[in-house]
PDB file of N, CA and C in Angstrom:
ATOM      1  N   MET A   1      15.195  -8.205   4.632  1.00  0.00           N
ATOM      2  CA  MET A   1      14.600  -8.056   3.370  1.00  0.00           C
ATOM      3  C   MET A   1      14.410  -6.784   2.734  1.00  0.00           C
ATOM      4  N   ASN A   2      15.004  -6.670   1.494  1.00  0.00           N
ATOM      5  CA  ASN A   2      14.966  -5.193   0.735  1.00  0.00           C
ATOM      6  C   ASN A   2      13.804  -5.376  -0.030  1.00  0.00           C
ATOM      7  N   LEU A   3      12.823  -4.425   0.292  1.00  0.00           N
ATOM      8  CA  LEU A   3      11.529  -4.483  -0.611  1.00  0.00           C
ATOM      9  C   LEU A   3      11.968  -4.178  -2.134  1.00  0.00           C
ATOM     10  N   SER A   4      12.826  -3.402  -2.323  1.00  0.00           N
ATOM     11  CA  SER A   4      13.093  -3.011  -3.796  1.00  0.00           C
ATOM     12  C   SER A   4      13.519  -4.365  -4.590  1.00  0.00           C
ATOM     13  N   ASP A   5      13.847  -5.356  -3.601  1.00  0.00           N
ATOM     14  CA  ASP A   5      14.429  -6.519  -4.532  1.00  0.00           C
ATOM     15  C   ASP A   5      13.165  -7.623  -4.789  1.00  0.00           C
ATOM     16  N   ASP A   6      12.304  -7.471  -3.626  1.00  0.00           N
ATOM     17  CA  ASP A   6      11.233  -8.502  -3.623  1.00  0.00           C
ATOM     18  C   ASP A   6       9.758  -7.790  -3.937  1.00  0.00           C
ATOM     19  N   LYS A   7       8.929  -8.638  -4.414  1.00  0.00           N
ATOM     20  CA  LYS A   7       7.579  -8.014  -4.677  1.00  0.00           C
ATOM     21  C   LYS A   7       6.862  -8.555  -3.583  1.00  0.00           C
ATOM     22  N   LEU A   8       5.819  -7.787  -3.456  1.00  0.00           N
ATOM     23  CA  LEU A   8       4.751  -8.130  -2.202  1.00  0.00           C
ATOM     24  C   LEU A   8       3.991  -9.384  -2.718  1.00  0.00           C
ATOM     25  N   THR A   9       3.490 -10.249  -1.538  1.00  0.00           N
ATOM     26  CA  THR A   9       2.713 -11.308  -1.824  1.00  0.00           C
ATOM     27  C   THR A   9       1.539 -10.868  -2.041  1.00  0.00           C
ATOM     28  N   THR A  10       0.707 -11.891  -2.416  1.00  0.00           N
ATOM     29  CA  THR A  10      -0.883 -11.595  -2.739  1.00  0.00           C
ATOM     30  C   THR A  10      -1.595 -11.203  -1.360  1.00  0.00           C
ATOM     31  N   LEU A  11      -1.177 -11.769  -0.142  1.00  0.00           N
ATOM     32  CA  LEU A  11      -1.765 -11.617   0.893  1.00  0.00           C
ATOM     33  C   LEU A  11      -1.343 -10.114   1.463  1.00  0.00           C
ATOM     34  N   GLN A  12      -0.162  -9.520   1.260  1.00  0.00           N
ATOM     35  CA  GLN A  12       0.322  -8.348   1.526  1.00  0.00           C
ATOM     36  C   GLN A  12      -0.454  -7.232   0.756  1.00  0.00           C
ATOM     37  N   LEU A  13      -0.580  -7.615  -0.523  1.00  0.00           N
ATOM     38  CA  LEU A  13      -1.493  -6.767  -1.401  1.00  0.00           C
ATOM     39  C   LEU A  13      -2.834  -6.642  -0.999  1.00  0.00           C
ATOM     40  N   GLU A  14      -3.554  -7.730  -0.543  1.00  0.00           N
ATOM     41  CA  GLU A  14      -4.925  -7.622   0.053  1.00  0.00           C
ATOM     42  C   GLU A  14      -5.111  -7.004   1.322  1.00  0.00           C
ATOM     43  N   LEU A  15      -4.030  -7.072   2.172  1.00  0.00           N
ATOM     44  CA  LEU A  15      -3.998  -6.485   3.216  1.00  0.00           C
ATOM     45  C   LEU A  15      -3.765  -4.862   3.111  1.00  0.00           C
ATOM     46  N   LEU A  16      -3.132  -4.406   2.113  1.00  0.00           N
ATOM     47  CA  LEU A  16      -2.917  -2.870   1.929  1.00  0.00           C
ATOM     48  C   LEU A  16      -4.266  -2.545   1.332  1.00  0.00           C
ATOM     49  N   LYS A  17      -4.926  -3.323   0.722  1.00  0.00           N
ATOM     50  CA  LYS A  17      -6.437  -2.785   0.353  1.00  0.00           C
ATOM     51  C   LYS A  17      -7.305  -2.571   1.450  1.00  0.00           C
ATOM     52  N   VAL A  18      -7.216  -3.473   2.426  1.00  0.00           N
ATOM     53  CA  VAL A  18      -7.846  -3.307   3.738  1.00  0.00           C
ATOM     54  C   VAL A  18      -7.622  -1.887   4.355  1.00  0.00           C
ATOM     55  N   TYR A  19      -6.280  -1.893   4.517  1.00  0.00           N
ATOM     56  CA  TYR A  19      -5.852  -0.438   5.211  1.00  0.00           C
ATOM     57  C   TYR A  19      -6.352   0.678   4.283  1.00  0.00           C
ATOM     58  N   SER A  20      -6.479   0.710   2.985  1.00  0.00           N
ATOM     59  CA  SER A  20      -6.908   1.797   2.214  1.00  0.00           C
ATOM     60  C   SER A  20      -8.260   2.295   2.624  1.00  0.00           C
ATOM     61  N   PHE A  21      -9.315   1.301   3.355  1.00  0.00           N
ATOM     62  CA  PHE A  21     -10.416   1.647   3.765  1.00  0.00           C
ATOM     63  C   PHE A  21     -10.421   2.463   5.213  1.00  0.00           C
ATOM     64  N   ASN A  22      -9.135   2.571   5.779  1.00  0.00           N
ATOM     65  CA  ASN A  22      -8.957   3.103   6.891  1.00  0.00           C
ATOM     66  C   ASN A  22      -9.958   2.601   8.030  1.00  0.00           C
ATOM     67  N   PRO A  23      -9.812   1.213   8.403  1.00  0.00           N
ATOM     68  CA  PRO A  23     -10.763   0.768   9.460  1.00  0.00           C
ATOM     69  C   PRO A  23     -10.458   1.065  10.721  1.00  0.00           C
ATOM     70  N   SER A  24     -11.741   1.156  11.597  1.00  0.00           N
ATOM     71  CA  SER A  24     -11.826   1.668  12.852  1.00  0.00           C
ATOM     72  C   SER A  24     -10.800   0.714  13.776  1.00  0.00           C
ATOM     73  N   PRO A  25     -10.481   1.151  14.827  1.00  0.00           N
ATOM     74  CA  PRO A  25      -9.779   0.186  15.777  1.00  0.00           C
ATOM     75  C   PRO A  25     -10.486  -0.957  16.245  1.00  0.00           C
ATOM     76  N   LYS A  26     -11.953  -0.799  16.333  1.00  0.00           N
ATOM     77  CA  LYS A  26     -12.698  -2.131  16.441  1.00  0.00           C
ATOM     78  C   LYS A  26     -12.581  -2.950  15.323  1.00  0.00           C
ATOM     79  N   GLU A  27     -12.719  -2.575  14.059  1.00  0.00           N
ATOM     80  CA  GLU A  27     -12.435  -3.282  12.822  1.00  0.00           C
ATOM     81  C   GLU A  27     -11.135  -3.866  12.737  1.00  0.00           C
ATOM     82  N   MET A  28     -10.210  -3.259  13.003  1.00  0.00           N
ATOM     83  CA  MET A  28      -8.827  -3.890  13.004  1.00  0.00           C
ATOM     84  C   MET A  28      -8.574  -4.911  14.129  1.00  0.00           C
ATOM     85  N   GLU A  29      -9.299  -4.787  15.261  1.00  0.00           N
ATOM     86  CA  GLU A  29      -9.358  -5.886  16.250  1.00  0.00           C
ATOM     87  C   GLU A  29     -10.084  -6.989  15.857  1.00  0.00           C
ATOM     88  N   GLY A  30     -11.040  -6.967  14.954  1.00  0.00           N
ATOM     89  CA  GLY A  30     -11.573  -8.100  14.352  1.00  0.00           C
ATOM     90  C   GLY A  30     -10.862  -8.718  13.393  1.00  0.00           C
ATOM     91  N   LEU A  31     -10.158  -7.926  12.372  1.00  0.00           N
ATOM     92  CA  LEU A  31      -9.399  -8.477  11.421  1.00  0.00           C
ATOM     93  C   LEU A  31      -8.420  -9.218  12.045  1.00  0.00           C
ATOM     94  N   LYS A  32      -7.694  -8.789  13.075  1.00  0.00           N
ATOM     95  CA  LYS A  32      -6.611  -9.551  13.518  1.00  0.00           C
ATOM     96  C   LYS A  32      -6.976 -10.611  14.255  1.00  0.00           C
ATOM     97  N   LEU A  33      -8.179 -10.705  14.874  1.00  0.00           N
ATOM     98  CA  LEU A  33      -8.896 -12.160  15.495  1.00  0.00           C
ATOM     99  C   LEU A  33      -9.013 -13.080  14.278  1.00  0.00           C
ATOM    100  N   PHE A  34      -9.513 -12.483  13.349  1.00  0.00           N
ATOM    101  CA  PHE A  34     -10.033 -13.202  12.069  1.00  0.00           C
ATOM    102  C   PHE A  34      -8.675 -13.951  11.583  1.00  0.00           C
ATOM    103  N   LEU A  35      -7.677 -13.145  11.325  1.00  0.00           N
ATOM    104  CA  LEU A  35      -6.436 -13.671  10.773  1.00  0.00           C
ATOM    105  C   LEU A  35      -5.726 -14.602  11.715  1.00  0.00           C
ATOM    106  N   GLY A  36      -5.856 -14.315  12.915  1.00  0.00           N
ATOM    107  CA  GLY A  36      -5.249 -15.262  13.948  1.00  0.00           C
ATOM    108  C   GLY A  36      -5.807 -16.583  13.908  1.00  0.00           C
ATOM    109  N   LYS A  37      -7.127 -16.599  13.962  1.00  0.00           N
ATOM    110  CA  LYS A  37      -7.788 -17.863  13.859  1.00  0.00           C
ATOM    111  C   LYS A  37      -7.657 -18.610  12.659  1.00  0.00           C
ATOM    112  N   PHE A  38      -7.633 -17.903  11.282  1.00  0.00           N
ATOM    113  CA  PHE A  38      -7.422 -18.595  10.022  1.00  0.00           C
ATOM    114  C   PHE A  38      -6.132 -19.312  10.212  1.00  0.00           C
ATOM    115  N   PHE A  39      -5.029 -18.665  10.653  1.00  0.00           N
ATOM    116  CA  PHE A  39      -3.676 -19.335  10.533  1.00  0.00           C
ATOM    117  C   PHE A  39      -3.466 -20.292  11.602  1.00  0.00           C
ATOM    118  N   ALA A  40      -4.175 -20.196  12.844  1.00  0.00           N
ATOM    119  CA  ALA A  40      -4.010 -21.153  13.866  1.00  0.00           C
ATOM    120  C   ALA A  40      -4.807 -22.313  13.332  1.00  0.00           C
ATOM    121  N   ASP A  41      -6.007 -22.253  12.696  1.00  0.00           N
ATOM    122  CA  ASP A  41      -6.854 -23.342  12.039  1.00  0.00           C
ATOM    123  C   ASP A  41      -5.782 -24.153  11.062  1.00  0.00           C
ATOM    124  N   ARG A  42      -5.348 -23.314  10.331  1.00  0.00           N
ATOM    125  CA  ARG A  42      -4.460 -23.716   9.063  1.00  0.00           C
ATOM    126  C   ARG A  42      -3.362 -24.643   9.775  1.00  0.00           C
ATOM    127  N   PHE A  43      -2.587 -24.086  10.755  1.00  0.00           N
ATOM    128  CA  PHE A  43      -1.559 -24.684  11.409  1.00  0.00           C
ATOM    129  C   PHE A  43      -2.127 -26.076  12.002  1.00  0.00           C
ATOM    130  N   THR A  44      -3.181 -25.992  12.773  1.00  0.00           N
ATOM    131  CA  THR A  44      -3.718 -27.278  13.174  1.00  0.00           C
ATOM    132  C   THR A  44      -4.034 -28.225  12.245  1.00  0.00           C
ATOM    133  N   GLN A  45      -4.559 -27.919  11.130  1.00  0.00           N
ATOM    134  CA  GLN A  45      -4.875 -29.006  10.026  1.00  0.00           C
ATOM    135  C   GLN A  45      -3.465 -29.607   9.433  1.00  0.00           C
ATOM    136  N   LYS A  46      -2.449 -28.797   9.457  1.00  0.00           N
ATOM    137  CA  LYS A  46      -1.185 -29.287   8.981  1.00  0.00           C
ATOM    138  C   LYS A  46      -0.555 -30.289   9.995  1.00  0.00           C
ATOM    139  N   VAL A  47      -0.749 -29.906  11.357  1.00  0.00           N
ATOM    140  CA  VAL A  47      -0.204 -30.733  12.385  1.00  0.00           C
ATOM    141  C   VAL A  47      -1.053 -32.071  12.549  1.00  0.00           C
ATOM    142  N   GLU A  48      -2.235 -31.920  12.189  1.00  0.00           N
ATOM    143  CA  GLU A  48      -3.085 -33.230  12.417  1.00  0.00           C
ATOM    144  C   GLU A  48      -2.636 -34.091  11.057  1.00  0.00           C
ATOM    145  N   LEU A  49      -2.506 -33.535   9.889  1.00  0.00           N
ATOM    146  CA  LEU A  49      -2.421 -34.250   8.932  1.00  0.00           C
ATOM    147  C   LEU A  49      -0.747 -34.828   8.984  1.00  0.00           C
ATOM    148  N   ALA A  50       0.132 -34.229   9.536  1.00  0.00           N
ATOM    149  CA  ALA A  50       1.624 -34.781   9.909  1.00  0.00           C
ATOM    150  C   ALA A  50       1.547 -35.777  10.577  1.00  0.00           C
ATOM    151  N   ALA A  51       0.606 -35.759  11.912  1.00  0.00           N
ATOM    152  CA  ALA A  51       0.639 -36.714  12.746  1.00  0.00           C
ATOM    153  C   ALA A  51      -0.030 -37.934  12.244  1.00  0.00           C
ATOM    154  N   LYS A  52      -1.135 -37.887  11.354  1.00  0.00           N
ATOM    155  CA  LYS A  52      -1.682 -39.020  10.715  1.00  0.00           C
ATOM    156  C   LYS A  52      -0.680 -39.632   9.835  1.00  0.00           C
ATOM    157  N   GLU A  53      -0.166 -38.942   9.135  1.00  0.00           N
ATOM    158  CA  GLU A  53       0.750 -39.443   8.098  1.00  0.00           C
ATOM    159  C   GLU A  53       2.198 -40.247   8.660  1.00  0.00           C
ATOM    160  N   ASN A  54       2.405 -39.852   9.995  1.00  0.00           N
ATOM    161  CA  ASN A  54       3.592 -40.433  10.560  1.00  0.00           C
ATOM    162  C   ASN A  54       3.263 -41.281  11.831  1.00  0.00           C
ATOM    163  N   GLY A  55       1.745 -41.717  12.065  1.00  0.00           N
ATOM    164  CA  GLY A  55       1.308 -42.591  12.925  1.00  0.00           C
ATOM    165  C   GLY A  55       1.340 -41.975  14.518  1.00  0.00           C
ATOM    166  N   ILE A  56       1.368 -40.763  14.607  1.00  0.00           N
ATOM    167  CA  ILE A  56       1.496 -40.161  15.923  1.00  0.00           C
ATOM    168  C   ILE A  56       0.033 -39.929  16.350  1.00  0.00           C
ATOM    169  N   THR A  57      -0.297 -40.552  17.570  1.00  0.00           N
ATOM    170  CA  THR A  57      -1.683 -40.500  18.429  1.00  0.00           C
ATOM    171  C   THR A  57      -1.696 -39.103  19.249  1.00  0.00           C
ATOM    172  N   ASN A  58      -2.990 -39.081  19.768  1.00  0.00           N
ATOM    173  CA  ASN A  58      -3.189 -38.151  20.715  1.00  0.00           C
ATOM    174  C   ASN A  58      -2.385 -38.341  21.960  1.00  0.00           C
ATOM    175  N   LYS A  59      -2.383 -39.714  22.401  1.00  0.00           N
ATOM    176  CA  LYS A  59      -1.626 -40.071  23.524  1.00  0.00           C
ATOM    177  C   LYS A  59      -0.154 -39.867  23.360  1.00  0.00           C
ATOM    178  N   ASP A  60       0.514 -40.020  22.242  1.00  0.00           N
ATOM    179  CA  ASP A  60       1.809 -39.610  22.000  1.00  0.00           C
ATOM    180  C   ASP A  60       2.043 -38.076  22.316  1.00  0.00           C
ATOM    181  N   LEU A  61       1.089 -37.318  21.638  1.00  0.00           N
ATOM    182  CA  LEU A  61       1.172 -35.884  21.891  1.00  0.00           C
ATOM    183  C   LEU A  61       1.134 -35.622  23.374  1.00  0.00           C
ATOM    184  N   ASP A  62       0.190 -36.135  24.176  1.00  0.00           N
ATOM    185  CA  ASP A  62      -0.064 -35.902  25.522  1.00  0.00           C
ATOM    186  C   ASP A  62       1.217 -36.265  26.332  1.00  0.00           C
ATOM    187  N   ASN A  63       1.910 -37.279  25.891  1.00  0.00           N
ATOM    188  CA  ASN A  63       3.051 -37.753  26.595  1.00  0.00           C
ATOM    189  C   ASN A  63       4.242 -36.758  26.288  1.00  0.00           C
ATOM    190  N   TRP A  64       4.228 -36.375  25.312  1.00  0.00           N
ATOM    191  CA  TRP A  64       5.282 -35.372  24.738  1.00  0.00           C
ATOM    192  C   TRP A  64       5.167 -34.133  25.520  1.00  0.00           C
ATOM    193  N   LEU A  65       3.825 -33.759  25.910  1.00  0.00           N
ATOM    194  CA  LEU A  65       3.571 -32.441  26.663  1.00  0.00           C
ATOM    195  C   LEU A  65       4.011 -32.702  28.164  1.00  0.00           C
ATOM    196  N   GLU A  66       3.683 -34.043  28.778  1.00  0.00           N
ATOM    197  CA  GLU A  66       3.873 -34.165  30.037  1.00  0.00           C
ATOM    198  C   GLU A  66       5.371 -34.188  30.349  1.00  0.00           C
ATOM    199  N   GLU A  67       6.314 -34.639  29.250  1.00  0.00           N
ATOM    200  CA  GLU A  67       7.698 -34.640  29.316  1.00  0.00           C
ATOM    201  C   GLU A  67       8.221 -33.274  29.308  1.00  0.00           C
ATOM    202  N   ASP A  68       7.623 -32.310  28.596  1.00  0.00           N
ATOM    203  CA  ASP A  68       8.146 -30.884  28.587  1.00  0.00           C
ATOM    204  C   ASP A  68       7.908 -30.413  30.013  1.00  0.00           C
ATOM    205  N   GLY A  69       6.842 -30.631  30.677  1.00  0.00           N
ATOM    206  CA  GLY A  69       6.624 -30.141  31.963  1.00  0.00           C
ATOM    207  C   GLY A  69       7.464 -30.553  33.161  1.00  0.00           C
ATOM    208  N   GLN A  70       8.205 -31.549  32.898  1.00  0.00           N
ATOM    209  CA  GLN A  70       9.071 -31.934  33.867  1.00  0.00           C
ATOM    210  C   GLN A  70      10.437 -31.097  33.989  1.00  0.00           C
TER     211      GLN A  70
END
């Protein structure tokens, strides 16, 4: 990706604002945990919706996980 060809996203611009405050290492760790949880929750919601829309049950998911372990 060439930055001269692409504009920064809204998220990238907001993160740059955070960095301008020069957060401490402890604050940065908290931000990383917060962002990680935010995106993990978002992913989980999308997976749950896709499973519901496609009739995939928790039992199906458990079976797939067991198949992977073999």
